[in-house]
Amino acid sequence: MTVDNQNGPDKDEVLEEKDFEPKQEATEVEVDEVSNAQIVEETSEGTDYEKEIEALRASELRIRADFDNFRRRTNEENAKRIKFASQSVIEKLIPLIDNFERALQVEATSDDAKQIQAGVDMIHRQLLDVLNGEQVEAIDAFGQPFDPNFHQAVMQEPSDEFDSGVVTMELQKGYTMHGRVIRPSMVKVAE
């Protein structure tokens, strides 16, 4: 060993160490830059995935809302179908009511005719009770203003007693079922 070696390392060796240390720092910086680049790529991919997830969630919510609306509409349609299921039968029974009312307007003179009329009246009331149970109601027309939603005008006549557009005579009763007209009233209207 020389004196120089005893005093410490050579300048060349020190330079090599100093050169080596910055290289280590540079390597660490490069590793950090590569890691950051990967994180940025993963984050951008993550953002794409997050956008896709949000789009799928929004789509799912729309599908659920559409299904709920479909279910609600179907339930409403079924309820209406059930509510008005007897309408076709009732429409066939209404002429029977008309005939019962005509039969009741005839005056009975003999005791036998009065008994028959009492029986007809009883059947008429039972039939009306059944129809009332189905929410069938007669339309009140006489003296009311003409309404094309409830009345069918078949005649017009000049009238001193009624204002223009008022029903002066009901020729055939009209009926509603649950508020829906199943047969409009045939009426005569004042001019």
C-alpha atoms as a PDB file:
ATOM      1  CA  MET A   1       0.000   0.000   0.000  1.00  0.00           C
ATOM      2  CA  THR A   2       1.035   3.433  -0.763  1.00  0.00           C
ATOM      3  CA  VAL A   3       0.621   6.459   1.296  1.00  0.00           C
ATOM      4  CA  ASP A   4      -2.096   7.657  -0.919  1.00  0.00           C
ATOM      5  CA  ASN A   5      -4.032   4.478  -0.391  1.00  0.00           C
ATOM      6  CA  GLN A   6      -3.686   4.800   3.335  1.00  0.00           C
ATOM      7  CA  ASN A   7      -5.109   8.270   3.417  1.00  0.00           C
ATOM      8  CA  GLY A   8      -8.282   7.300   1.650  1.00  0.00           C
ATOM      9  CA  PRO A   9      -9.708   6.232  -1.629  1.00  0.00           C
ATOM     10  CA  ASP A  10      -8.422   7.547  -4.915  1.00  0.00           C
ATOM     11  CA  LYS A  11     -10.105  10.424  -6.594  1.00  0.00           C
ATOM     12  CA  ASP A  12     -11.051   8.115  -9.409  1.00  0.00           C
ATOM     13  CA  GLU A  13     -12.823   5.810  -7.017  1.00  0.00           C
ATOM     14  CA  VAL A  14     -14.691   8.745  -5.453  1.00  0.00           C
ATOM     15  CA  LEU A  15     -15.749   9.939  -8.868  1.00  0.00           C
ATOM     16  CA  GLU A  16     -16.936   6.495  -9.705  1.00  0.00           C
ATOM     17  CA  GLU A  17     -19.029   6.392  -6.561  1.00  0.00           C
ATOM     18  CA  LYS A  18     -20.419   9.844  -7.225  1.00  0.00           C
ATOM     19  CA  ASP A  19     -21.159   8.869 -10.804  1.00  0.00           C
ATOM     20  CA  PHE A  20     -22.784   5.741  -9.538  1.00  0.00           C
ATOM     21  CA  GLU A  21     -25.062   7.478  -7.022  1.00  0.00           C
ATOM     22  CA  PRO A  22     -26.691   9.819  -9.530  1.00  0.00           C
ATOM     23  CA  LYS A  23     -27.202   6.839 -11.783  1.00  0.00           C
ATOM     24  CA  GLN A  24     -29.096   5.160  -8.968  1.00  0.00           C
ATOM     25  CA  GLU A  25     -31.258   8.257  -8.538  1.00  0.00           C
ATOM     26  CA  ALA A  26     -31.878   8.363 -12.270  1.00  0.00           C
ATOM     27  CA  THR A  27     -32.883   4.735 -12.208  1.00  0.00           C
ATOM     28  CA  GLU A  28     -35.278   5.394  -9.336  1.00  0.00           C
ATOM     29  CA  VAL A  29     -36.782   8.345 -11.231  1.00  0.00           C
ATOM     30  CA  GLU A  30     -37.212   6.186 -14.318  1.00  0.00           C
ATOM     31  CA  VAL A  31     -38.951   3.529 -12.219  1.00  0.00           C
ATOM     32  CA  ASP A  32     -41.228   6.208 -10.735  1.00  0.00           C
ATOM     33  CA  GLU A  33     -42.013   7.576 -14.193  1.00  0.00           C
ATOM     34  CA  VAL A  34     -42.852   4.079 -15.464  1.00  0.00           C
ATOM     35  CA  SER A  35     -45.080   3.461 -12.415  1.00  0.00           C
ATOM     36  CA  ASN A  36     -46.812   6.820 -12.906  1.00  0.00           C
ATOM     37  CA  ALA A  37     -47.341   6.045 -16.592  1.00  0.00           C
ATOM     38  CA  GLN A  38     -48.900   2.710 -15.682  1.00  0.00           C
ATOM     39  CA  ILE A  39     -51.118   4.417 -13.097  1.00  0.00           C
ATOM     40  CA  VAL A  40     -52.213   7.002 -15.681  1.00  0.00           C
ATOM     41  CA  GLU A  41     -53.004   4.209 -18.156  1.00  0.00           C
ATOM     42  CA  GLU A  42     -54.865   2.259 -15.495  1.00  0.00           C
ATOM     43  CA  THR A  43     -56.683   5.413 -14.425  1.00  0.00           C
ATOM     44  CA  SER A  44     -57.724   6.173 -17.993  1.00  0.00           C
ATOM     45  CA  GLU A  45     -58.802   2.564 -18.390  1.00  0.00           C
ATOM     46  CA  GLY A  46     -60.529   2.836 -15.005  1.00  0.00           C
ATOM     47  CA  THR A  47     -62.304   5.972 -16.183  1.00  0.00           C
ATOM     48  CA  ASP A  48     -63.499   4.097 -19.260  1.00  0.00           C
ATOM     49  CA  TYR A  49     -64.695   1.257 -17.057  1.00  0.00           C
ATOM     50  CA  GLU A  50     -66.375   3.693 -14.697  1.00  0.00           C
ATOM     51  CA  LYS A  51     -68.155   5.353 -17.606  1.00  0.00           C
ATOM     52  CA  GLU A  52     -69.255   1.971 -18.884  1.00  0.00           C
ATOM     53  CA  ILE A  53     -70.457   0.973 -15.411  1.00  0.00           C
ATOM     54  CA  GLU A  54     -72.429   4.218 -15.098  1.00  0.00           C
ATOM     55  CA  ALA A  55     -73.959   3.679 -18.536  1.00  0.00           C
ATOM     56  CA  LEU A  56     -74.969   0.135 -17.555  1.00  0.00           C
ATOM     57  CA  ARG A  57     -76.465   1.393 -14.284  1.00  0.00           C
ATOM     58  CA  ALA A  58     -78.466   4.058 -16.130  1.00  0.00           C
ATOM     59  CA  SER A  59     -79.627   1.437 -18.632  1.00  0.00           C
ATOM     60  CA  GLU A  60     -80.686  -0.856 -15.805  1.00  0.00           C
ATOM     61  CA  LEU A  61     -82.663   1.947 -14.157  1.00  0.00           C
ATOM     62  CA  ARG A  62     -84.433   2.723 -17.446  1.00  0.00           C
ATOM     63  CA  ILE A  63     -85.271  -0.939 -17.955  1.00  0.00           C
ATOM     64  CA  ARG A  64     -86.613  -1.210 -14.408  1.00  0.00           C
ATOM     65  CA  ALA A  65     -88.714   1.931 -14.869  1.00  0.00           C
ATOM     66  CA  ASP A  66     -90.050   0.628 -18.187  1.00  0.00           C
ATOM     67  CA  PHE A  67     -90.934  -2.687 -16.574  1.00  0.00           C
ATOM     68  CA  ASP A  68     -92.661  -0.955 -13.644  1.00  0.00           C
ATOM     69  CA  ASN A  69     -94.668   1.170 -16.101  1.00  0.00           C
ATOM     70  CA  PHE A  70     -95.555  -1.933 -18.107  1.00  0.00           C
ATOM     71  CA  ARG A  71     -96.685  -3.739 -14.961  1.00  0.00           C
ATOM     72  CA  ARG A  72     -98.768  -0.733 -13.845  1.00  0.00           C
ATOM     73  CA  ARG A  73    -100.428  -0.395 -17.278  1.00  0.00           C
ATOM     74  CA  THR A  74    -101.146  -4.115 -17.393  1.00  0.00           C
ATOM     75  CA  ASN A  75    -102.709  -4.021 -13.925  1.00  0.00           C
ATOM     76  CA  GLU A  76    -104.846  -1.018 -14.900  1.00  0.00           C
ATOM     77  CA  GLU A  77    -105.980  -2.721 -18.114  1.00  0.00           C
ATOM     78  CA  ASN A  78    -106.838  -5.912 -16.209  1.00  0.00           C
ATOM     79  CA  ALA A  79    -108.779  -3.905 -13.623  1.00  0.00           C
ATOM     80  CA  LYS A  80    -110.750  -2.182 -16.423  1.00  0.00           C
ATOM     81  CA  ARG A  81    -111.352  -5.516 -18.127  1.00  0.00           C
ATOM     82  CA  ILE A  82    -112.714  -6.971 -14.890  1.00  0.00           C
ATOM     83  CA  LYS A  83    -114.716  -3.815 -14.143  1.00  0.00           C
ATOM     84  CA  PHE A  84    -116.433  -3.847 -17.532  1.00  0.00           C
ATOM     85  CA  ALA A  85    -116.560  -7.626 -18.060  1.00  0.00           C
ATOM     86  CA  SER A  86    -120.323  -7.704 -17.589  1.00  0.00           C
ATOM     87  CA  GLN A  87    -120.961  -4.797 -19.984  1.00  0.00           C
ATOM     88  CA  SER A  88    -121.921  -6.964 -22.953  1.00  0.00           C
ATOM     89  CA  VAL A  89    -124.477  -8.888 -20.871  1.00  0.00           C
ATOM     90  CA  ILE A  90    -125.874  -5.680 -19.413  1.00  0.00           C
ATOM     91  CA  GLU A  91    -126.235  -4.166 -22.892  1.00  0.00           C
ATOM     92  CA  LYS A  92    -128.385  -7.184 -23.781  1.00  0.00           C
ATOM     93  CA  LEU A  93    -130.479  -6.774 -20.600  1.00  0.00           C
ATOM     94  CA  ILE A  94    -131.276  -3.093 -21.126  1.00  0.00           C
ATOM     95  CA  PRO A  95    -133.959  -3.771 -23.796  1.00  0.00           C
ATOM     96  CA  LEU A  96    -135.602  -6.108 -21.271  1.00  0.00           C
ATOM     97  CA  ILE A  97    -135.796  -3.244 -18.802  1.00  0.00           C
ATOM     98  CA  ASP A  98    -137.391  -1.106 -21.514  1.00  0.00           C
ATOM     99  CA  ASN A  99    -140.005  -3.799 -22.097  1.00  0.00           C
ATOM    100  CA  PHE A 100    -140.709  -4.177 -18.371  1.00  0.00           C
ATOM    101  CA  GLU A 101    -141.222  -0.402 -18.113  1.00  0.00           C
ATOM    102  CA  ARG A 102    -143.616  -0.430 -21.066  1.00  0.00           C
ATOM    103  CA  ALA A 103    -145.549  -3.287 -19.467  1.00  0.00           C
ATOM    104  CA  LEU A 104    -145.785  -1.344 -16.208  1.00  0.00           C
ATOM    105  CA  GLN A 105    -147.206   1.735 -18.008  1.00  0.00           C
ATOM    106  CA  VAL A 106    -150.301  -0.224 -19.078  1.00  0.00           C
ATOM    107  CA  GLU A 107    -153.204   0.255 -16.664  1.00  0.00           C
ATOM    108  CA  ALA A 108    -154.526  -2.953 -15.244  1.00  0.00           C
ATOM    109  CA  THR A 109    -158.319  -3.047 -14.900  1.00  0.00           C
ATOM    110  CA  SER A 110    -159.000  -6.521 -13.563  1.00  0.00           C
ATOM    111  CA  ASP A 111    -157.688  -8.129 -10.403  1.00  0.00           C
ATOM    112  CA  ASP A 112    -155.796 -10.764 -12.415  1.00  0.00           C
ATOM    113  CA  ALA A 113    -154.104  -8.070 -14.518  1.00  0.00           C
ATOM    114  CA  LYS A 114    -153.162  -6.153 -11.341  1.00  0.00           C
ATOM    115  CA  GLN A 115    -151.570  -9.293  -9.866  1.00  0.00           C
ATOM    116  CA  ILE A 116    -149.628  -9.922 -13.070  1.00  0.00           C
ATOM    117  CA  GLN A 117    -148.527  -6.300 -13.124  1.00  0.00           C
ATOM    118  CA  ALA A 118    -147.370  -6.582  -9.485  1.00  0.00           C
ATOM    119  CA  GLY A 119    -145.272  -9.631 -10.461  1.00  0.00           C
ATOM    120  CA  VAL A 120    -143.806  -7.796 -13.437  1.00  0.00           C
ATOM    121  CA  ASP A 121    -143.011  -4.823 -11.168  1.00  0.00           C
ATOM    122  CA  MET A 122    -141.255  -7.135  -8.710  1.00  0.00           C
ATOM    123  CA  ILE A 123    -139.110  -8.689 -11.476  1.00  0.00           C
ATOM    124  CA  HIS A 124    -138.370  -5.199 -12.827  1.00  0.00           C
ATOM    125  CA  ARG A 125    -137.124  -4.024  -9.400  1.00  0.00           C
ATOM    126  CA  GLN A 126    -134.959  -7.133  -8.970  1.00  0.00           C
ATOM    127  CA  LEU A 127    -133.410  -6.567 -12.359  1.00  0.00           C
ATOM    128  CA  LEU A 128    -132.717  -2.922 -11.492  1.00  0.00           C
ATOM    129  CA  ASP A 129    -131.122  -4.018  -8.184  1.00  0.00           C
ATOM    130  CA  VAL A 130    -128.800  -6.375 -10.075  1.00  0.00           C
ATOM    131  CA  LEU A 131    -127.855  -3.581 -12.465  1.00  0.00           C
ATOM    132  CA  ASN A 132    -127.272  -1.158  -9.584  1.00  0.00           C
ATOM    133  CA  GLY A 133    -124.937  -3.745  -8.075  1.00  0.00           C
ATOM    134  CA  GLU A 134    -122.931  -3.528 -11.291  1.00  0.00           C
ATOM    135  CA  GLN A 135    -122.864   0.310 -11.025  1.00  0.00           C
ATOM    136  CA  VAL A 136    -125.354   0.733 -13.881  1.00  0.00           C
ATOM    137  CA  GLU A 137    -127.309   3.966 -13.553  1.00  0.00           C
ATOM    138  CA  ALA A 138    -129.978   5.626 -15.698  1.00  0.00           C
ATOM    139  CA  ILE A 139    -129.011   8.947 -17.275  1.00  0.00           C
ATOM    140  CA  ASP A 140    -131.164  11.828 -16.094  1.00  0.00           C
ATOM    141  CA  ALA A 141    -132.135  13.641 -19.297  1.00  0.00           C
ATOM    142  CA  PHE A 142    -135.475  15.461 -18.969  1.00  0.00           C
ATOM    143  CA  GLY A 143    -135.011  19.184 -18.327  1.00  0.00           C
ATOM    144  CA  GLN A 144    -131.227  18.932 -18.562  1.00  0.00           C
ATOM    145  CA  PRO A 145    -129.082  20.832 -21.061  1.00  0.00           C
ATOM    146  CA  PHE A 146    -128.330  18.723 -24.114  1.00  0.00           C
ATOM    147  CA  ASP A 147    -124.969  16.953 -23.757  1.00  0.00           C
ATOM    148  CA  PRO A 148    -123.812  14.929 -26.763  1.00  0.00           C
ATOM    149  CA  ASN A 149    -121.729  12.766 -24.435  1.00  0.00           C
ATOM    150  CA  PHE A 150    -124.899  11.452 -22.755  1.00  0.00           C
ATOM    151  CA  HIS A 151    -127.750  12.281 -25.134  1.00  0.00           C
ATOM    152  CA  GLN A 152    -128.620  11.413 -28.692  1.00  0.00           C
ATOM    153  CA  ALA A 153    -130.898  14.051 -30.183  1.00  0.00           C
ATOM    154  CA  VAL A 154    -133.387  12.527 -32.603  1.00  0.00           C
ATOM    155  CA  MET A 155    -135.807  15.464 -32.788  1.00  0.00           C
ATOM    156  CA  GLN A 156    -135.949  19.203 -32.235  1.00  0.00           C
ATOM    157  CA  GLU A 157    -139.053  21.198 -31.466  1.00  0.00           C
ATOM    158  CA  PRO A 158    -139.827  24.814 -30.689  1.00  0.00           C
ATOM    159  CA  SER A 159    -140.702  25.234 -27.034  1.00  0.00           C
ATOM    160  CA  ASP A 160    -142.049  28.086 -24.930  1.00  0.00           C
ATOM    161  CA  GLU A 161    -141.523  26.132 -21.724  1.00  0.00           C
ATOM    162  CA  PHE A 162    -137.809  25.289 -22.190  1.00  0.00           C
ATOM    163  CA  ASP A 163    -134.773  27.282 -23.269  1.00  0.00           C
ATOM    164  CA  SER A 164    -132.951  26.410 -26.439  1.00  0.00           C
ATOM    165  CA  GLY A 165    -130.738  23.318 -26.110  1.00  0.00           C
ATOM    166  CA  VAL A 166    -132.687  21.779 -23.218  1.00  0.00           C
ATOM    167  CA  VAL A 167    -134.057  18.230 -23.376  1.00  0.00           C
ATOM    168  CA  THR A 168    -137.854  18.415 -23.551  1.00  0.00           C
ATOM    169  CA  MET A 169    -138.639  14.698 -23.760  1.00  0.00           C
ATOM    170  CA  GLU A 170    -136.828  11.430 -23.187  1.00  0.00           C
ATOM    171  CA  LEU A 171    -137.796   8.891 -25.842  1.00  0.00           C
ATOM    172  CA  GLN A 172    -135.514   6.088 -24.585  1.00  0.00           C
ATOM    173  CA  LYS A 173    -133.544   5.903 -21.345  1.00  0.00           C
ATOM    174  CA  GLY A 174    -129.799   5.956 -21.463  1.00  0.00           C
ATOM    175  CA  TYR A 175    -127.469   4.173 -19.049  1.00  0.00           C
ATOM    176  CA  THR A 176    -123.951   4.506 -17.704  1.00  0.00           C
ATOM    177  CA  MET A 177    -121.771   1.838 -16.146  1.00  0.00           C
ATOM    178  CA  HIS A 178    -119.001   2.991 -13.797  1.00  0.00           C
ATOM    179  CA  GLY A 179    -119.421   6.453 -15.321  1.00  0.00           C
ATOM    180  CA  ARG A 180    -119.022   5.204 -18.922  1.00  0.00           C
ATOM    181  CA  VAL A 181    -121.999   5.608 -21.253  1.00  0.00           C
ATOM    182  CA  ILE A 182    -123.189   2.225 -22.469  1.00  0.00           C
ATOM    183  CA  ARG A 183    -126.305   3.601 -24.155  1.00  0.00           C
ATOM    184  CA  PRO A 184    -127.046   7.308 -24.671  1.00  0.00           C
ATOM    185  CA  SER A 185    -130.522   8.688 -23.997  1.00  0.00           C
ATOM    186  CA  MET A 186    -132.623   9.305 -27.107  1.00  0.00           C
ATOM    187  CA  VAL A 187    -134.101  12.733 -26.593  1.00  0.00           C
ATOM    188  CA  LYS A 188    -136.115  15.565 -28.097  1.00  0.00           C
ATOM    189  CA  VAL A 189    -134.427  18.969 -27.731  1.00  0.00           C
ATOM    190  CA  ALA A 190    -135.866  22.479 -27.667  1.00  0.00           C
ATOM    191  CA  GLU A 191    -134.818  24.740 -30.550  1.00  0.00           C
END
